[in-house]
Amino acid sequence: MKLIVKRRNPNAKLPQRASAKAAGYDLCSAEDCEIAPGKRSLVKTGLSFTVPDGTYGRIAPRSGLAMKGVNVLAGVIDQDYTGEVGVILINHNDEPFMVKVGDRVAQLIMEKIETPDVEEVEELEATERGEGGFGSTGGNSLSPHVEATAMEASQDASVEAVEVSEGVA
């Protein structure tokens, strides 16, 4: 099994694992950029990949950057995507964050994937948990007050939408 890599920019660094047992391959920036406070930026890696059959690449955060208030947003590399891989970073700080060429900005984790056929049904099989979510299995489900407040907010938004559409005739 091989991760096939094409270097698209001379500044690009090939992905490497920091240790023999590391789960992720470090992805580095191929450009200098500044991310303003509270903003996000697409940081180019200068690389394209062909991931192994039966896998996809997940672009994951680096704990060192997270400690500095910078995080990775969503990122998936499908097996049929061959364009340049970019990393979406968000700066949660009050000061600009500088990214330099060669900085490790994310990690690429190869994950096995299943792609089952989709089947629509009228009802799902009953389970003990049912529709309980958001902490329901740990006894920390939303309180009735929070649920009511959320429902009221949703209803308020619906009323506002109706009022706006009625006024726009």
N, C-alpha and C. Protein backbone atom coordinates (compact mmCIF):
# COMPACT_ATOMS: atom_id res chain seq x y z
N MET A 1 0.85 -1.17 0.00
CA MET A 1 0.00 0.00 0.00
C MET A 1 0.90 1.24 0.00
N LYS A 2 0.56 2.19 -0.90
CA LYS A 2 1.37 3.40 -1.00
C LYS A 2 0.48 4.63 -1.09
N LEU A 3 0.96 5.71 -0.50
CA LEU A 3 0.36 7.03 -0.68
C LEU A 3 1.17 7.67 -1.80
N ILE A 4 0.52 7.91 -2.93
CA ILE A 4 1.18 8.48 -4.10
C ILE A 4 1.09 10.01 -4.00
N VAL A 5 2.25 10.69 -4.12
CA VAL A 5 2.31 12.13 -3.91
C VAL A 5 2.92 12.82 -5.12
N LYS A 6 2.29 13.91 -5.54
CA LYS A 6 2.84 14.76 -6.60
C LYS A 6 3.16 16.12 -5.98
N ARG A 7 4.41 16.55 -6.14
CA ARG A 7 4.83 17.87 -5.66
C ARG A 7 4.48 18.89 -6.74
N ARG A 8 3.64 19.86 -6.41
CA ARG A 8 3.18 20.87 -7.36
C ARG A 8 3.87 22.21 -7.18
N ASN A 9 4.63 22.32 -6.12
CA ASN A 9 5.28 23.59 -5.77
C ASN A 9 6.67 23.23 -5.23
N PRO A 10 7.72 23.92 -5.66
CA PRO A 10 9.06 23.58 -5.17
C PRO A 10 9.22 23.78 -3.66
N ASN A 11 8.36 24.60 -3.04
CA ASN A 11 8.42 24.79 -1.59
C ASN A 11 7.76 23.66 -0.80
N ALA A 12 7.06 22.78 -1.49
CA ALA A 12 6.30 21.72 -0.82
C ALA A 12 7.23 20.69 -0.19
N LYS A 13 6.85 20.25 1.01
CA LYS A 13 7.56 19.17 1.70
C LYS A 13 6.71 17.92 1.63
N LEU A 14 7.35 16.79 1.33
CA LEU A 14 6.61 15.53 1.31
C LEU A 14 6.10 15.23 2.71
N PRO A 15 4.90 14.61 2.80
CA PRO A 15 4.37 14.28 4.12
C PRO A 15 5.26 13.25 4.81
N GLN A 16 5.46 13.44 6.11
CA GLN A 16 6.28 12.52 6.90
C GLN A 16 5.62 12.28 8.23
N ARG A 17 5.82 11.08 8.76
CA ARG A 17 5.38 10.79 10.13
C ARG A 17 6.52 11.16 11.06
N ALA A 18 6.18 11.77 12.18
CA ALA A 18 7.20 12.25 13.13
C ALA A 18 7.87 11.11 13.88
N SER A 19 7.19 9.95 13.96
CA SER A 19 7.78 8.78 14.61
C SER A 19 7.22 7.53 13.95
N ALA A 20 7.84 6.41 14.19
CA ALA A 20 7.42 5.15 13.56
C ALA A 20 5.99 4.77 13.91
N LYS A 21 5.50 5.20 15.06
CA LYS A 21 4.15 4.82 15.48
C LYS A 21 3.15 5.98 15.39
N ALA A 22 3.55 7.07 14.79
CA ALA A 22 2.64 8.21 14.61
C ALA A 22 1.51 7.83 13.66
N ALA A 23 0.29 8.25 13.98
CA ALA A 23 -0.86 7.94 13.14
C ALA A 23 -0.91 8.81 11.89
N GLY A 24 -0.46 10.06 12.02
CA GLY A 24 -0.60 11.00 10.93
C GLY A 24 0.70 11.38 10.27
N TYR A 25 0.57 11.80 9.02
CA TYR A 25 1.68 12.34 8.25
C TYR A 25 1.60 13.86 8.35
N ASP A 26 2.68 14.51 8.75
CA ASP A 26 2.67 15.97 8.85
C ASP A 26 2.48 16.59 7.48
N LEU A 27 1.58 17.58 7.42
CA LEU A 27 1.38 18.39 6.22
C LEU A 27 1.94 19.77 6.51
N CYS A 28 2.75 20.28 5.59
CA CYS A 28 3.43 21.56 5.79
C CYS A 28 2.94 22.60 4.79
N SER A 29 3.06 23.84 5.18
CA SER A 29 2.68 24.94 4.31
C SER A 29 3.72 25.13 3.20
N ALA A 30 3.23 25.41 2.00
CA ALA A 30 4.12 25.71 0.87
C ALA A 30 4.17 27.21 0.61
N GLU A 31 3.58 28.00 1.52
CA GLU A 31 3.52 29.44 1.34
C GLU A 31 3.52 30.15 2.69
N ASP A 32 3.92 31.40 2.67
CA ASP A 32 3.78 32.25 3.84
C ASP A 32 2.39 32.88 3.79
N CYS A 33 1.76 32.98 4.95
CA CYS A 33 0.48 33.68 4.99
C CYS A 33 0.20 34.16 6.41
N GLU A 34 -0.68 35.12 6.51
CA GLU A 34 -1.10 35.65 7.80
C GLU A 34 -2.59 35.41 7.96
N ILE A 35 -2.98 34.88 9.10
CA ILE A 35 -4.40 34.64 9.38
C ILE A 35 -4.82 35.65 10.44
N ALA A 36 -5.75 36.51 10.06
CA ALA A 36 -6.23 37.57 10.96
C ALA A 36 -6.99 36.95 12.14
N PRO A 37 -7.07 37.65 13.25
CA PRO A 37 -7.82 37.16 14.41
C PRO A 37 -9.26 36.83 14.05
N GLY A 38 -9.72 35.65 14.48
CA GLY A 38 -11.09 35.24 14.23
C GLY A 38 -11.39 34.85 12.80
N LYS A 39 -10.39 34.82 11.93
CA LYS A 39 -10.60 34.50 10.51
C LYS A 39 -10.01 33.14 10.17
N ARG A 40 -10.39 32.66 9.00
CA ARG A 40 -9.85 31.40 8.50
C ARG A 40 -9.15 31.64 7.18
N SER A 41 -8.25 30.71 6.85
CA SER A 41 -7.49 30.85 5.61
C SER A 41 -7.19 29.46 5.05
N LEU A 42 -7.17 29.36 3.73
CA LEU A 42 -6.79 28.12 3.07
C LEU A 42 -5.28 28.16 2.85
N VAL A 43 -4.57 27.28 3.53
CA VAL A 43 -3.11 27.22 3.44
C VAL A 43 -2.75 26.11 2.45
N LYS A 44 -2.02 26.47 1.42
CA LYS A 44 -1.66 25.50 0.38
C LYS A 44 -0.48 24.63 0.83
N THR A 45 -0.58 23.33 0.49
CA THR A 45 0.51 22.39 0.80
C THR A 45 1.45 22.21 -0.38
N GLY A 46 0.99 22.55 -1.58
CA GLY A 46 1.80 22.33 -2.77
C GLY A 46 1.86 20.87 -3.19
N LEU A 47 0.95 20.04 -2.65
CA LEU A 47 0.95 18.60 -2.92
C LEU A 47 -0.41 18.12 -3.41
N SER A 48 -0.38 17.07 -4.21
CA SER A 48 -1.57 16.32 -4.60
C SER A 48 -1.32 14.86 -4.23
N PHE A 49 -2.40 14.14 -3.95
CA PHE A 49 -2.28 12.75 -3.51
C PHE A 49 -3.19 11.83 -4.28
N THR A 50 -2.80 10.58 -4.34
CA THR A 50 -3.70 9.48 -4.66
C THR A 50 -3.63 8.57 -3.44
N VAL A 51 -4.76 8.51 -2.72
CA VAL A 51 -4.77 7.69 -1.51
C VAL A 51 -4.99 6.23 -1.89
N PRO A 52 -4.54 5.30 -1.05
CA PRO A 52 -4.67 3.87 -1.36
C PRO A 52 -6.14 3.44 -1.49
N ASP A 53 -6.37 2.39 -2.27
CA ASP A 53 -7.71 1.83 -2.42
C ASP A 53 -8.31 1.52 -1.05
N GLY A 54 -9.61 1.79 -0.91
CA GLY A 54 -10.30 1.49 0.33
C GLY A 54 -10.04 2.46 1.46
N THR A 55 -9.42 3.62 1.14
CA THR A 55 -9.13 4.62 2.17
C THR A 55 -9.55 6.01 1.69
N TYR A 56 -9.54 6.94 2.62
CA TYR A 56 -9.62 8.36 2.30
C TYR A 56 -8.64 9.05 3.23
N GLY A 57 -8.25 10.25 2.89
CA GLY A 57 -7.35 11.00 3.75
C GLY A 57 -8.14 12.01 4.57
N ARG A 58 -7.95 11.98 5.88
CA ARG A 58 -8.61 12.96 6.76
C ARG A 58 -7.56 13.98 7.20
N ILE A 59 -7.83 15.24 6.97
CA ILE A 59 -6.93 16.30 7.41
C ILE A 59 -7.31 16.66 8.84
N ALA A 60 -6.40 16.39 9.75
CA ALA A 60 -6.67 16.52 11.18
C ALA A 60 -5.82 17.62 11.81
N PRO A 61 -6.31 18.16 12.94
CA PRO A 61 -5.56 19.21 13.64
C PRO A 61 -4.27 18.69 14.25
N ARG A 62 -3.38 19.61 14.53
CA ARG A 62 -2.15 19.33 15.27
C ARG A 62 -2.34 19.88 16.68
N SER A 63 -2.02 19.10 17.68
CA SER A 63 -2.24 19.54 19.06
C SER A 63 -1.41 20.77 19.40
N GLY A 64 -0.20 20.87 18.86
CA GLY A 64 0.65 22.03 19.13
C GLY A 64 0.03 23.33 18.63
N LEU A 65 -0.60 23.29 17.45
CA LEU A 65 -1.27 24.49 16.93
C LEU A 65 -2.52 24.79 17.76
N ALA A 66 -3.25 23.74 18.14
CA ALA A 66 -4.46 23.94 18.94
C ALA A 66 -4.12 24.65 20.25
N MET A 67 -2.99 24.29 20.85
CA MET A 67 -2.56 24.96 22.08
C MET A 67 -2.26 26.44 21.85
N LYS A 68 -1.94 26.78 20.61
CA LYS A 68 -1.66 28.18 20.25
C LYS A 68 -2.92 28.90 19.77
N GLY A 69 -4.08 28.22 19.84
CA GLY A 69 -5.34 28.85 19.44
C GLY A 69 -5.64 28.79 17.96
N VAL A 70 -4.96 27.90 17.25
CA VAL A 70 -5.19 27.75 15.80
C VAL A 70 -5.63 26.32 15.55
N ASN A 71 -6.72 26.17 14.79
CA ASN A 71 -7.26 24.84 14.58
C ASN A 71 -7.54 24.58 13.10
N VAL A 72 -7.66 23.30 12.77
CA VAL A 72 -7.97 22.86 11.41
C VAL A 72 -9.47 22.65 11.31
N LEU A 73 -10.07 23.16 10.24
CA LEU A 73 -11.48 22.89 9.97
C LEU A 73 -11.56 21.64 9.09
N ALA A 74 -12.73 21.30 8.65
CA ALA A 74 -12.98 20.06 7.93
C ALA A 74 -12.03 19.83 6.76
N GLY A 75 -11.72 18.58 6.52
CA GLY A 75 -10.89 18.24 5.38
C GLY A 75 -10.90 16.76 5.08
N VAL A 76 -11.32 16.41 3.87
CA VAL A 76 -11.35 15.02 3.43
C VAL A 76 -10.73 14.96 2.04
N ILE A 77 -9.84 14.00 1.85
CA ILE A 77 -9.27 13.77 0.52
C ILE A 77 -9.86 12.47 -0.01
N ASP A 78 -10.76 12.60 -0.97
CA ASP A 78 -11.37 11.42 -1.59
C ASP A 78 -10.38 10.76 -2.53
N GLN A 79 -10.59 9.48 -2.79
CA GLN A 79 -9.67 8.73 -3.63
C GLN A 79 -9.59 9.29 -5.05
N ASP A 80 -10.67 9.91 -5.52
CA ASP A 80 -10.67 10.43 -6.89
C ASP A 80 -10.29 11.91 -6.99
N TYR A 81 -9.93 12.55 -5.87
CA TYR A 81 -9.50 13.95 -5.92
C TYR A 81 -8.00 14.01 -6.18
N THR A 82 -7.62 14.75 -7.22
CA THR A 82 -6.20 14.82 -7.58
C THR A 82 -5.67 16.25 -7.60
N GLY A 83 -6.47 17.20 -7.13
CA GLY A 83 -6.02 18.59 -7.08
C GLY A 83 -5.12 18.85 -5.89
N GLU A 84 -4.63 20.09 -5.80
CA GLU A 84 -3.76 20.46 -4.69
C GLU A 84 -4.54 20.41 -3.38
N VAL A 85 -3.90 19.86 -2.36
CA VAL A 85 -4.52 19.78 -1.04
C VAL A 85 -4.23 21.06 -0.28
N GLY A 86 -5.29 21.64 0.25
CA GLY A 86 -5.17 22.81 1.10
C GLY A 86 -5.67 22.49 2.49
N VAL A 87 -5.20 23.24 3.46
CA VAL A 87 -5.61 23.05 4.85
C VAL A 87 -6.32 24.33 5.29
N ILE A 88 -7.55 24.19 5.78
CA ILE A 88 -8.29 25.34 6.26
C ILE A 88 -7.96 25.53 7.75
N LEU A 89 -7.28 26.64 8.04
CA LEU A 89 -6.93 26.97 9.43
C LEU A 89 -7.80 28.12 9.91
N ILE A 90 -8.17 28.09 11.19
CA ILE A 90 -8.91 29.18 11.81
C ILE A 90 -8.11 29.68 13.01
N ASN A 91 -8.01 30.99 13.12
CA ASN A 91 -7.25 31.64 14.18
C ASN A 91 -8.23 32.11 15.26
N HIS A 92 -8.22 31.46 16.41
CA HIS A 92 -9.11 31.82 17.52
C HIS A 92 -8.50 32.88 18.43
N ASN A 93 -7.38 33.44 18.07
CA ASN A 93 -6.65 34.40 18.90
C ASN A 93 -7.09 35.84 18.64
N ASP A 94 -6.57 36.74 19.47
CA ASP A 94 -6.82 38.18 19.30
C ASP A 94 -5.74 38.85 18.45
N GLU A 95 -4.71 38.09 18.10
CA GLU A 95 -3.59 38.61 17.31
C GLU A 95 -3.48 37.80 16.01
N PRO A 96 -2.93 38.39 14.96
CA PRO A 96 -2.71 37.63 13.72
C PRO A 96 -1.79 36.44 13.98
N PHE A 97 -1.97 35.38 13.19
CA PHE A 97 -1.12 34.19 13.29
C PHE A 97 -0.36 34.06 11.98
N MET A 98 0.95 33.97 12.07
CA MET A 98 1.79 33.87 10.87
C MET A 98 2.11 32.41 10.57
N VAL A 99 1.95 32.03 9.31
CA VAL A 99 2.34 30.71 8.83
C VAL A 99 3.49 30.93 7.85
N LYS A 100 4.56 30.19 8.04
CA LYS A 100 5.74 30.31 7.18
C LYS A 100 5.87 29.04 6.32
N VAL A 101 6.56 29.18 5.20
CA VAL A 101 6.86 28.01 4.36
C VAL A 101 7.53 26.95 5.22
N GLY A 102 7.03 25.72 5.13
CA GLY A 102 7.62 24.60 5.87
C GLY A 102 7.00 24.35 7.23
N ASP A 103 6.15 25.27 7.73
CA ASP A 103 5.48 25.04 9.01
C ASP A 103 4.53 23.85 8.91
N ARG A 104 4.53 23.01 9.94
CA ARG A 104 3.58 21.90 10.00
C ARG A 104 2.22 22.48 10.39
N VAL A 105 1.23 22.33 9.51
CA VAL A 105 -0.07 22.96 9.73
C VAL A 105 -1.20 21.97 10.01
N ALA A 106 -1.00 20.70 9.72
CA ALA A 106 -2.04 19.69 9.93
C ALA A 106 -1.37 18.33 9.82
N GLN A 107 -2.19 17.30 10.02
CA GLN A 107 -1.70 15.96 9.76
C GLN A 107 -2.70 15.21 8.90
N LEU A 108 -2.17 14.37 8.06
CA LEU A 108 -2.98 13.56 7.16
C LEU A 108 -3.08 12.17 7.76
N ILE A 109 -4.31 11.75 8.03
CA ILE A 109 -4.54 10.41 8.59
C ILE A 109 -5.30 9.59 7.56
N MET A 110 -4.77 8.44 7.23
CA MET A 110 -5.42 7.55 6.27
C MET A 110 -6.42 6.69 7.04
N GLU A 111 -7.66 6.70 6.59
CA GLU A 111 -8.70 5.92 7.26
C GLU A 111 -9.37 5.00 6.26
N LYS A 112 -9.66 3.78 6.73
CA LYS A 112 -10.41 2.84 5.89
C LYS A 112 -11.84 3.35 5.76
N ILE A 113 -12.44 3.05 4.63
CA ILE A 113 -13.78 3.55 4.37
C ILE A 113 -14.65 2.44 3.80
N GLU A 114 -15.91 2.46 4.18
CA GLU A 114 -16.93 1.58 3.61
C GLU A 114 -17.92 2.46 2.86
N THR A 115 -18.40 2.00 1.73
CA THR A 115 -19.37 2.76 0.96
C THR A 115 -20.56 1.87 0.62
N PRO A 116 -21.43 1.64 1.63
CA PRO A 116 -22.59 0.76 1.41
C PRO A 116 -23.63 1.41 0.50
N ASP A 117 -24.48 0.57 -0.09
CA ASP A 117 -25.61 1.08 -0.87
C ASP A 117 -26.59 1.75 0.09
N VAL A 118 -27.33 2.74 -0.39
CA VAL A 118 -28.31 3.45 0.42
C VAL A 118 -29.68 2.79 0.21
N GLU A 119 -30.37 2.50 1.32
CA GLU A 119 -31.70 1.91 1.25
C GLU A 119 -32.64 2.76 2.11
N GLU A 120 -33.70 3.26 1.51
CA GLU A 120 -34.68 4.05 2.26
C GLU A 120 -35.71 3.13 2.88
N VAL A 121 -36.09 3.41 4.14
CA VAL A 121 -37.11 2.63 4.83
C VAL A 121 -38.14 3.58 5.45
N GLU A 122 -39.31 3.07 5.79
CA GLU A 122 -40.35 3.87 6.44
C GLU A 122 -40.03 4.04 7.92
N GLU A 123 -39.50 3.02 8.57
CA GLU A 123 -39.19 3.05 10.00
C GLU A 123 -37.84 2.38 10.23
N LEU A 124 -37.13 2.86 11.24
CA LEU A 124 -35.88 2.22 11.65
C LEU A 124 -36.17 1.21 12.74
N GLU A 125 -35.31 0.23 12.87
CA GLU A 125 -35.44 -0.78 13.91
C GLU A 125 -35.39 -0.11 15.28
N ALA A 126 -36.27 -0.50 16.20
CA ALA A 126 -36.30 0.08 17.54
C ALA A 126 -35.05 -0.31 18.32
N THR A 127 -34.53 0.66 19.09
CA THR A 127 -33.37 0.40 19.96
C THR A 127 -33.68 0.92 21.35
N GLU A 128 -32.89 0.50 22.33
CA GLU A 128 -33.07 0.98 23.69
C GLU A 128 -32.86 2.49 23.79
N ARG A 129 -31.89 3.00 23.06
CA ARG A 129 -31.57 4.42 23.10
C ARG A 129 -32.61 5.26 22.36
N GLY A 130 -33.12 4.74 21.27
CA GLY A 130 -34.10 5.48 20.49
C GLY A 130 -33.52 6.76 19.92
N GLU A 131 -34.24 7.86 20.09
CA GLU A 131 -33.83 9.14 19.53
C GLU A 131 -33.03 9.99 20.52
N GLY A 132 -32.65 9.42 21.65
CA GLY A 132 -31.87 10.16 22.64
C GLY A 132 -30.50 10.53 22.10
N GLY A 133 -30.12 11.77 22.22
CA GLY A 133 -28.82 12.23 21.73
C GLY A 133 -28.28 13.34 22.61
N PHE A 134 -27.18 13.93 22.19
CA PHE A 134 -26.57 15.07 22.89
C PHE A 134 -26.38 14.79 24.37
N GLY A 135 -25.67 13.71 24.69
CA GLY A 135 -25.35 13.39 26.07
C GLY A 135 -26.35 12.48 26.75
N SER A 136 -27.33 11.96 26.02
CA SER A 136 -28.38 11.17 26.65
C SER A 136 -27.87 9.88 27.28
N THR A 137 -26.82 9.27 26.75
CA THR A 137 -26.35 8.00 27.33
C THR A 137 -25.54 8.22 28.59
N GLY A 138 -25.07 9.43 28.85
CA GLY A 138 -24.31 9.72 30.06
C GLY A 138 -25.14 10.43 31.10
N GLY A 139 -26.44 10.56 30.87
CA GLY A 139 -27.30 11.24 31.82
C GLY A 139 -27.19 12.75 31.74
N ASN A 140 -26.55 13.26 30.71
CA ASN A 140 -26.35 14.71 30.58
C ASN A 140 -27.13 15.27 29.41
N SER A 141 -28.32 14.73 29.17
CA SER A 141 -29.08 15.23 28.04
C SER A 141 -29.53 16.65 28.32
N LEU A 142 -29.95 17.33 27.28
CA LEU A 142 -30.41 18.70 27.43
C LEU A 142 -31.57 18.73 28.42
N SER A 143 -31.56 19.72 29.30
CA SER A 143 -32.64 19.84 30.27
C SER A 143 -33.91 20.28 29.56
N PRO A 144 -35.09 20.01 30.17
CA PRO A 144 -36.34 20.46 29.54
C PRO A 144 -36.33 21.97 29.27
N HIS A 145 -35.68 22.75 30.17
CA HIS A 145 -35.60 24.20 29.97
C HIS A 145 -34.83 24.54 28.70
N VAL A 146 -33.68 23.88 28.52
CA VAL A 146 -32.86 24.14 27.34
C VAL A 146 -33.60 23.69 26.09
N GLU A 147 -34.24 22.51 26.17
CA GLU A 147 -34.99 22.02 25.01
C GLU A 147 -36.13 22.98 24.67
N ALA A 148 -36.85 23.48 25.70
CA ALA A 148 -37.96 24.41 25.46
C ALA A 148 -37.43 25.71 24.86
N THR A 149 -36.32 26.21 25.40
CA THR A 149 -35.74 27.45 24.89
C THR A 149 -35.34 27.28 23.42
N ALA A 150 -34.73 26.14 23.09
CA ALA A 150 -34.34 25.89 21.71
C ALA A 150 -35.56 25.81 20.81
N MET A 151 -36.62 25.14 21.30
CA MET A 151 -37.84 25.02 20.50
C MET A 151 -38.48 26.39 20.30
N GLU A 152 -38.52 27.21 21.36
CA GLU A 152 -39.09 28.55 21.25
C GLU A 152 -38.29 29.39 20.25
N ALA A 153 -36.96 29.29 20.29
CA ALA A 153 -36.12 30.03 19.35
C ALA A 153 -36.42 29.60 17.93
N SER A 154 -36.60 28.30 17.73
CA SER A 154 -36.91 27.79 16.40
C SER A 154 -38.26 28.33 15.93
N GLN A 155 -39.25 28.33 16.83
CA GLN A 155 -40.57 28.84 16.48
C GLN A 155 -40.51 30.33 16.19
N ASP A 156 -39.74 31.08 17.01
CA ASP A 156 -39.58 32.51 16.78
C ASP A 156 -38.98 32.77 15.40
N ALA A 157 -37.97 31.97 15.02
CA ALA A 157 -37.34 32.13 13.71
C ALA A 157 -38.35 31.86 12.60
N SER A 158 -39.23 30.86 12.80
CA SER A 158 -40.25 30.55 11.80
C SER A 158 -41.22 31.70 11.66
N VAL A 159 -41.63 32.29 12.80
CA VAL A 159 -42.56 33.41 12.77
C VAL A 159 -41.93 34.59 12.05
N GLU A 160 -40.62 34.88 12.35
CA GLU A 160 -39.94 35.98 11.68
C GLU A 160 -39.87 35.75 10.18
N ALA A 161 -39.60 34.50 9.79
CA ALA A 161 -39.51 34.19 8.35
C ALA A 161 -40.85 34.41 7.68
N VAL A 162 -41.94 34.04 8.34
CA VAL A 162 -43.28 34.23 7.77
C VAL A 162 -43.58 35.73 7.66
N GLU A 163 -43.23 36.50 8.72
CA GLU A 163 -43.49 37.93 8.69
C GLU A 163 -42.72 38.61 7.57
N VAL A 164 -41.48 38.22 7.35
CA VAL A 164 -40.67 38.80 6.29
C VAL A 164 -41.27 38.45 4.94
N SER A 165 -41.64 37.17 4.74
CA SER A 165 -42.16 36.77 3.43
C SER A 165 -43.51 37.42 3.16
N GLU A 166 -44.32 37.64 4.21
CA GLU A 166 -45.60 38.30 4.00
C GLU A 166 -45.41 39.76 3.62
N GLY A 167 -44.37 40.39 4.18
CA GLY A 167 -44.12 41.80 3.88
C GLY A 167 -43.48 42.03 2.53
N VAL A 168 -42.99 40.97 1.88
CA VAL A 168 -42.28 41.10 0.61
C VAL A 168 -43.17 40.81 -0.58
N ALA A 169 -44.39 40.71 -0.49
CA ALA A 169 -45.30 40.30 -1.55
C ALA A 169 -44.99 40.78 -2.88
